[in-house]
Amino acid sequence: MKLTFLGTGTSCGVPTIGCQCYTCSSTDPHDKRLRCSAFIETDTTRVLIDCGPDFRQQIMPQPFRKIDGILITHAHYDHMGGMDDIRPYCQFGEINVYADPIARQAMLEMLPYCFAEHRYPGVPAIQLHEIHKHEPFTIGDLDIMPLEVMHHDLPILGYRIGALAYITDMKTIDEGELDYLQGVDTLIVNALRQKPHHSHQTLDEAVTFARRVGARQTWLIHSSHDIGRHEEVNASLPSDIQMAYDGQMIEI
């Protein structure tokens, strides 16, 4: 199984519009961060995690093949604002989209023309599946376990897929959810910036969480310009906890 980071940035992306800060002015391509999304692929299955407003740009370099499912972490625009752009993939059949009740309802409201009784030609063909924490399901040869984390006071989903755990936009996690992370080899988790934030982990909080999980390797995502430059942040971190970058591919 391999994972490609399509985007590792926060809701504003990096560089941030109108900003000339130290990070935004960097010429290092590792400091160009689109909104968070990832591809998970095996020999037979392709699954997208989140489909934000940068999806079209992110997907263009990827081979044009069937997407077997889209996992939505939560109902914020930077994680599902690109859903209309999946329409070219509908030539392979309906796109199966998996979301919790809150995100499912938000998608019905955001894309009502996709779920109308009489849809006009060309709209994305979406098969929307409601999922719940701790209720596993399968897409192709991938067994997926949703778990719950808190994005301030909004419950959202992380995903355990084999030895991989993908968590974004987390601030806190209930102690009981850690049971679903036992034995994780590769952890992907959010680290917004250095200073405290009400709904996202800081870099230090992400490192502390990574140590609690005990994964062999942790990759940090959903990072804003305030976290600093990629090369310098990674130099300050242990080798088993590193910032990911857009386009990076890892083997699980």
Protein backbone atom coordinates (compact mmCIF):
# COMPACT_ATOMS: atom_id res chain seq x y z
CA MET A 1 0.00 0.00 0.00
CA LYS A 2 1.26 3.48 -0.80
CA LEU A 3 0.06 6.93 0.18
CA THR A 4 0.57 10.15 -1.75
CA PHE A 5 0.19 13.47 0.04
CA LEU A 6 -1.81 15.60 -2.39
CA GLY A 7 -1.91 18.52 0.02
CA THR A 8 -0.42 19.18 3.45
CA GLY A 9 -1.58 22.73 4.14
CA THR A 10 -4.26 24.29 6.28
CA SER A 11 -7.48 25.96 5.11
CA CYS A 12 -5.69 29.03 3.68
CA GLY A 13 -2.90 27.09 2.00
CA VAL A 14 0.74 28.18 1.85
CA PRO A 15 1.67 30.74 0.64
CA THR A 16 -1.29 32.55 2.12
CA ILE A 17 -2.91 35.15 -0.13
CA GLY A 18 -1.40 38.59 0.44
CA CYS A 19 1.24 37.36 2.89
CA GLN A 20 4.97 38.06 2.53
CA CYS A 21 6.11 36.34 5.71
CA TYR A 22 9.27 34.25 6.01
CA THR A 23 7.46 31.01 5.10
CA CYS A 24 5.26 32.40 2.35
CA SER A 25 8.24 34.03 0.64
CA SER A 26 10.21 30.77 0.55
CA THR A 27 11.27 29.46 -2.86
CA ASP A 28 11.54 25.90 -1.55
CA PRO A 29 8.77 23.80 -3.19
CA HIS A 30 8.35 21.97 0.12
CA ASP A 31 6.89 25.20 1.49
CA LYS A 32 4.05 25.23 -1.08
CA ARG A 33 1.16 23.53 0.70
CA LEU A 34 -2.22 22.94 -0.89
CA ARG A 35 -5.26 22.06 1.19
CA CYS A 36 -5.09 18.67 2.93
CA SER A 37 -5.82 15.53 0.93
CA ALA A 38 -4.21 12.15 0.34
CA PHE A 39 -4.42 9.19 -2.04
CA ILE A 40 -4.14 5.63 -0.74
CA GLU A 41 -3.49 2.97 -3.36
CA THR A 42 -2.97 -0.76 -3.57
CA ASP A 43 -2.63 -2.84 -6.72
CA THR A 44 -6.42 -2.94 -7.05
CA THR A 45 -7.89 -0.07 -5.01
CA ARG A 46 -7.63 3.74 -4.99
CA VAL A 47 -9.11 5.75 -2.13
CA LEU A 48 -9.04 9.53 -1.72
CA ILE A 49 -9.10 11.09 1.74
CA ASP A 50 -10.89 14.44 1.55
CA CYS A 51 -11.60 16.41 -1.60
CA GLY A 52 -10.91 20.07 -0.99
CA PRO A 53 -10.98 23.12 -3.26
CA ASP A 54 -7.48 22.32 -4.64
CA PHE A 55 -8.54 18.87 -5.88
CA ARG A 56 -8.36 19.69 -9.59
CA GLN A 57 -4.81 21.01 -9.28
CA GLN A 58 -3.78 18.11 -7.06
CA ILE A 59 -5.19 15.36 -9.25
CA MET A 60 -3.85 16.52 -12.61
CA PRO A 61 -0.39 14.94 -12.15
CA GLN A 62 -1.93 11.61 -11.06
CA PRO A 63 -2.80 8.77 -13.45
CA PHE A 64 -6.39 9.00 -14.64
CA ARG A 65 -7.91 5.82 -13.24
CA LYS A 66 -10.99 4.87 -11.28
CA ILE A 67 -11.36 6.22 -7.74
CA ASP A 68 -12.98 3.48 -5.66
CA GLY A 69 -14.01 5.67 -2.76
CA ILE A 70 -13.66 9.06 -1.09
CA LEU A 71 -13.38 9.29 2.69
CA ILE A 72 -14.51 12.60 4.17
CA THR A 73 -13.06 13.57 7.54
CA HIS A 74 -15.48 16.41 8.25
CA ALA A 75 -17.80 19.02 6.81
CA HIS A 76 -15.48 22.00 6.41
CA TYR A 77 -15.01 23.50 2.96
CA ASP A 78 -11.25 22.95 2.81
CA HIS A 79 -11.94 19.21 3.09
CA MET A 80 -14.91 18.77 0.74
CA GLY A 81 -15.11 21.91 -1.40
CA GLY A 82 -13.77 20.16 -4.52
CA MET A 83 -16.42 17.49 -4.82
CA ASP A 84 -17.87 18.90 -8.05
CA ASP A 85 -14.49 18.32 -9.73
CA ILE A 86 -14.78 14.54 -9.42
CA ARG A 87 -17.18 14.48 -12.39
CA PRO A 88 -14.58 13.23 -14.95
CA TYR A 89 -14.11 10.12 -12.79
CA CYS A 90 -17.79 9.30 -13.03
CA GLN A 91 -17.15 7.79 -16.46
CA PHE A 92 -15.90 4.80 -14.47
CA GLY A 93 -19.22 4.63 -12.58
CA GLU A 94 -20.72 6.25 -9.49
CA ILE A 95 -18.27 7.63 -6.96
CA ASN A 96 -18.74 6.13 -3.51
CA VAL A 97 -18.36 8.84 -0.88
CA TYR A 98 -18.22 8.01 2.84
CA ALA A 99 -19.08 10.63 5.48
CA ASP A 100 -20.43 10.91 9.00
CA PRO A 101 -23.99 12.27 9.49
CA ILE A 102 -22.84 15.89 9.84
CA ALA A 103 -20.67 15.82 6.72
CA ARG A 104 -23.31 13.86 4.81
CA GLN A 105 -25.92 16.52 5.50
CA ALA A 106 -23.49 19.28 4.57
CA MET A 107 -22.79 17.59 1.25
CA LEU A 108 -26.51 17.31 0.48
CA GLU A 109 -26.81 21.05 1.09
CA MET A 110 -23.61 21.97 -0.77
CA LEU A 111 -24.36 19.86 -3.87
CA PRO A 112 -28.16 19.58 -4.03
CA TYR A 113 -28.10 19.18 -7.83
CA CYS A 114 -26.14 15.93 -7.42
CA PHE A 115 -28.92 14.39 -5.35
CA ALA A 116 -32.01 15.78 -7.07
CA GLU A 117 -34.64 13.35 -8.30
CA HIS A 118 -34.10 14.54 -11.86
CA ARG A 119 -30.42 15.36 -12.31
CA TYR A 120 -29.25 17.26 -15.33
CA PRO A 121 -26.65 15.56 -17.55
CA GLY A 122 -23.04 15.80 -16.49
CA VAL A 123 -23.41 16.37 -12.75
CA PRO A 124 -21.20 14.20 -10.53
CA ALA A 125 -22.73 10.80 -9.90
CA ILE A 126 -22.26 10.34 -6.16
CA GLN A 127 -23.32 7.39 -4.05
CA LEU A 128 -23.29 8.87 -0.56
CA HIS A 129 -22.74 6.43 2.34
CA GLU A 130 -23.30 7.42 5.97
CA ILE A 131 -20.64 5.98 8.25
CA HIS A 132 -20.09 6.05 12.00
CA LYS A 133 -17.17 5.77 14.37
CA HIS A 134 -16.10 2.24 15.28
CA GLU A 135 -18.17 0.69 12.48
CA PRO A 136 -15.67 -0.80 10.02
CA PHE A 137 -16.28 -1.08 6.29
CA THR A 138 -14.36 -2.21 3.24
CA ILE A 139 -13.45 -0.55 -0.05
CA GLY A 140 -11.84 -2.99 -2.45
CA ASP A 141 -9.06 -4.68 -0.51
CA LEU A 142 -8.86 -1.95 2.16
CA ASP A 143 -10.41 -2.51 5.59
CA ILE A 144 -11.26 0.85 7.12
CA MET A 145 -12.05 1.71 10.73
CA PRO A 146 -13.39 5.21 11.45
CA LEU A 147 -12.45 6.71 14.81
CA GLU A 148 -13.51 9.95 16.43
CA VAL A 149 -11.41 12.98 17.29
CA MET A 150 -12.50 16.45 18.34
CA HIS A 151 -12.00 19.54 16.18
CA HIS A 152 -12.66 21.90 19.10
CA ASP A 153 -16.30 20.97 19.84
CA LEU A 154 -16.99 19.30 16.47
CA PRO A 155 -16.65 15.50 16.41
CA ILE A 156 -14.90 14.43 13.20
CA LEU A 157 -13.46 11.23 11.78
CA GLY A 158 -9.97 9.86 11.56
CA TYR A 159 -9.30 6.62 9.68
CA ARG A 160 -7.35 3.50 10.58
CA ILE A 161 -6.46 1.51 7.46
CA GLY A 162 -4.30 -1.48 8.25
CA ALA A 163 -1.06 -0.23 9.78
CA LEU A 164 -1.87 3.37 8.80
CA ALA A 165 -3.77 6.00 10.77
CA TYR A 166 -4.79 9.30 9.15
CA ILE A 167 -5.99 12.11 11.43
CA THR A 168 -6.43 15.76 10.55
CA ASP A 169 -7.86 18.85 12.27
CA MET A 170 -7.68 17.24 15.69
CA LYS A 171 -7.41 19.23 18.90
CA THR A 172 -8.21 16.47 21.38
CA ILE A 173 -8.99 12.77 21.41
CA ASP A 174 -10.87 10.69 23.95
CA GLU A 175 -8.73 8.18 25.79
CA GLY A 176 -10.87 5.30 24.55
CA GLU A 177 -10.13 6.14 20.92
CA LEU A 178 -6.47 5.30 21.47
CA ASP A 179 -7.45 1.62 21.52
CA TYR A 180 -8.12 1.94 17.78
CA LEU A 181 -4.58 3.19 17.23
CA GLN A 182 -2.75 0.32 18.87
CA GLY A 183 -0.11 -1.19 16.62
CA VAL A 184 -0.10 1.68 14.12
CA ASP A 185 3.12 1.69 12.10
CA THR A 186 2.57 4.95 10.19
CA LEU A 187 0.73 7.87 11.78
CA ILE A 188 -0.36 10.96 9.85
CA VAL A 189 -1.60 13.77 12.07
CA ASN A 190 -2.11 17.53 12.04
CA ALA A 191 0.30 20.13 13.39
CA LEU A 192 -0.96 23.65 12.66
CA ARG A 193 1.67 26.01 14.09
CA GLN A 194 3.86 26.72 17.10
CA LYS A 195 1.42 28.90 19.08
CA PRO A 196 -1.75 27.49 20.73
CA HIS A 197 -4.95 27.29 18.70
CA HIS A 198 -8.47 26.57 19.94
CA SER A 199 -9.29 23.81 17.43
CA HIS A 200 -5.99 22.44 16.09
CA GLN A 201 -2.95 20.80 17.58
CA THR A 202 0.25 22.78 17.86
CA LEU A 203 3.54 21.26 16.76
CA ASP A 204 4.41 20.32 20.35
CA GLU A 205 0.98 18.78 20.89
CA ALA A 206 1.37 16.73 17.71
CA VAL A 207 4.76 15.44 18.87
CA THR A 208 3.30 14.52 22.26
CA PHE A 209 0.41 12.70 20.59
CA ALA A 210 2.79 10.86 18.27
CA ARG A 211 4.74 9.60 21.27
CA ARG A 212 1.51 8.36 22.88
CA VAL A 213 0.61 6.39 19.76
CA GLY A 214 4.16 5.08 19.37
CA ALA A 215 4.15 4.67 15.59
CA ARG A 216 7.39 3.81 13.83
CA GLN A 217 7.01 6.94 11.67
CA THR A 218 4.79 10.02 12.03
CA TRP A 219 4.12 12.52 9.26
CA LEU A 220 2.73 15.96 10.10
CA ILE A 221 0.09 17.64 7.92
CA HIS A 222 -2.43 20.51 7.90
CA SER A 223 0.32 23.02 8.62
CA SER A 224 -0.03 26.77 8.22
CA HIS A 225 2.61 29.33 7.28
CA ASP A 226 2.98 30.07 10.99
CA ILE A 227 4.68 26.73 11.62
CA GLY A 228 7.75 27.88 9.69
CA ARG A 229 9.74 26.56 6.79
CA HIS A 230 9.71 22.84 6.04
CA GLU A 231 13.47 22.27 6.14
CA GLU A 232 13.99 24.17 9.37
CA VAL A 233 11.05 22.60 11.20
CA ASN A 234 12.13 19.10 10.21
CA ALA A 235 15.68 19.80 11.37
CA SER A 236 14.26 20.58 14.83
CA LEU A 237 12.27 17.33 14.98
CA PRO A 238 13.34 13.73 15.61
CA SER A 239 13.77 11.67 12.46
CA ASP A 240 10.70 9.55 13.22
CA ILE A 241 8.43 12.65 13.34
CA GLN A 242 8.66 14.84 10.24
CA MET A 243 6.58 17.28 8.24
CA ALA A 244 5.18 15.78 5.04
CA TYR A 245 5.18 17.74 1.78
CA ASP A 246 2.88 17.98 -1.22
CA GLY A 247 3.54 15.21 -3.71
CA GLN A 248 5.44 13.03 -1.27
CA MET A 249 4.79 9.31 -1.66
CA ILE A 250 5.34 6.84 1.19
CA GLU A 251 5.07 3.06 1.38
CA ILE A 252 2.96 1.63 4.18
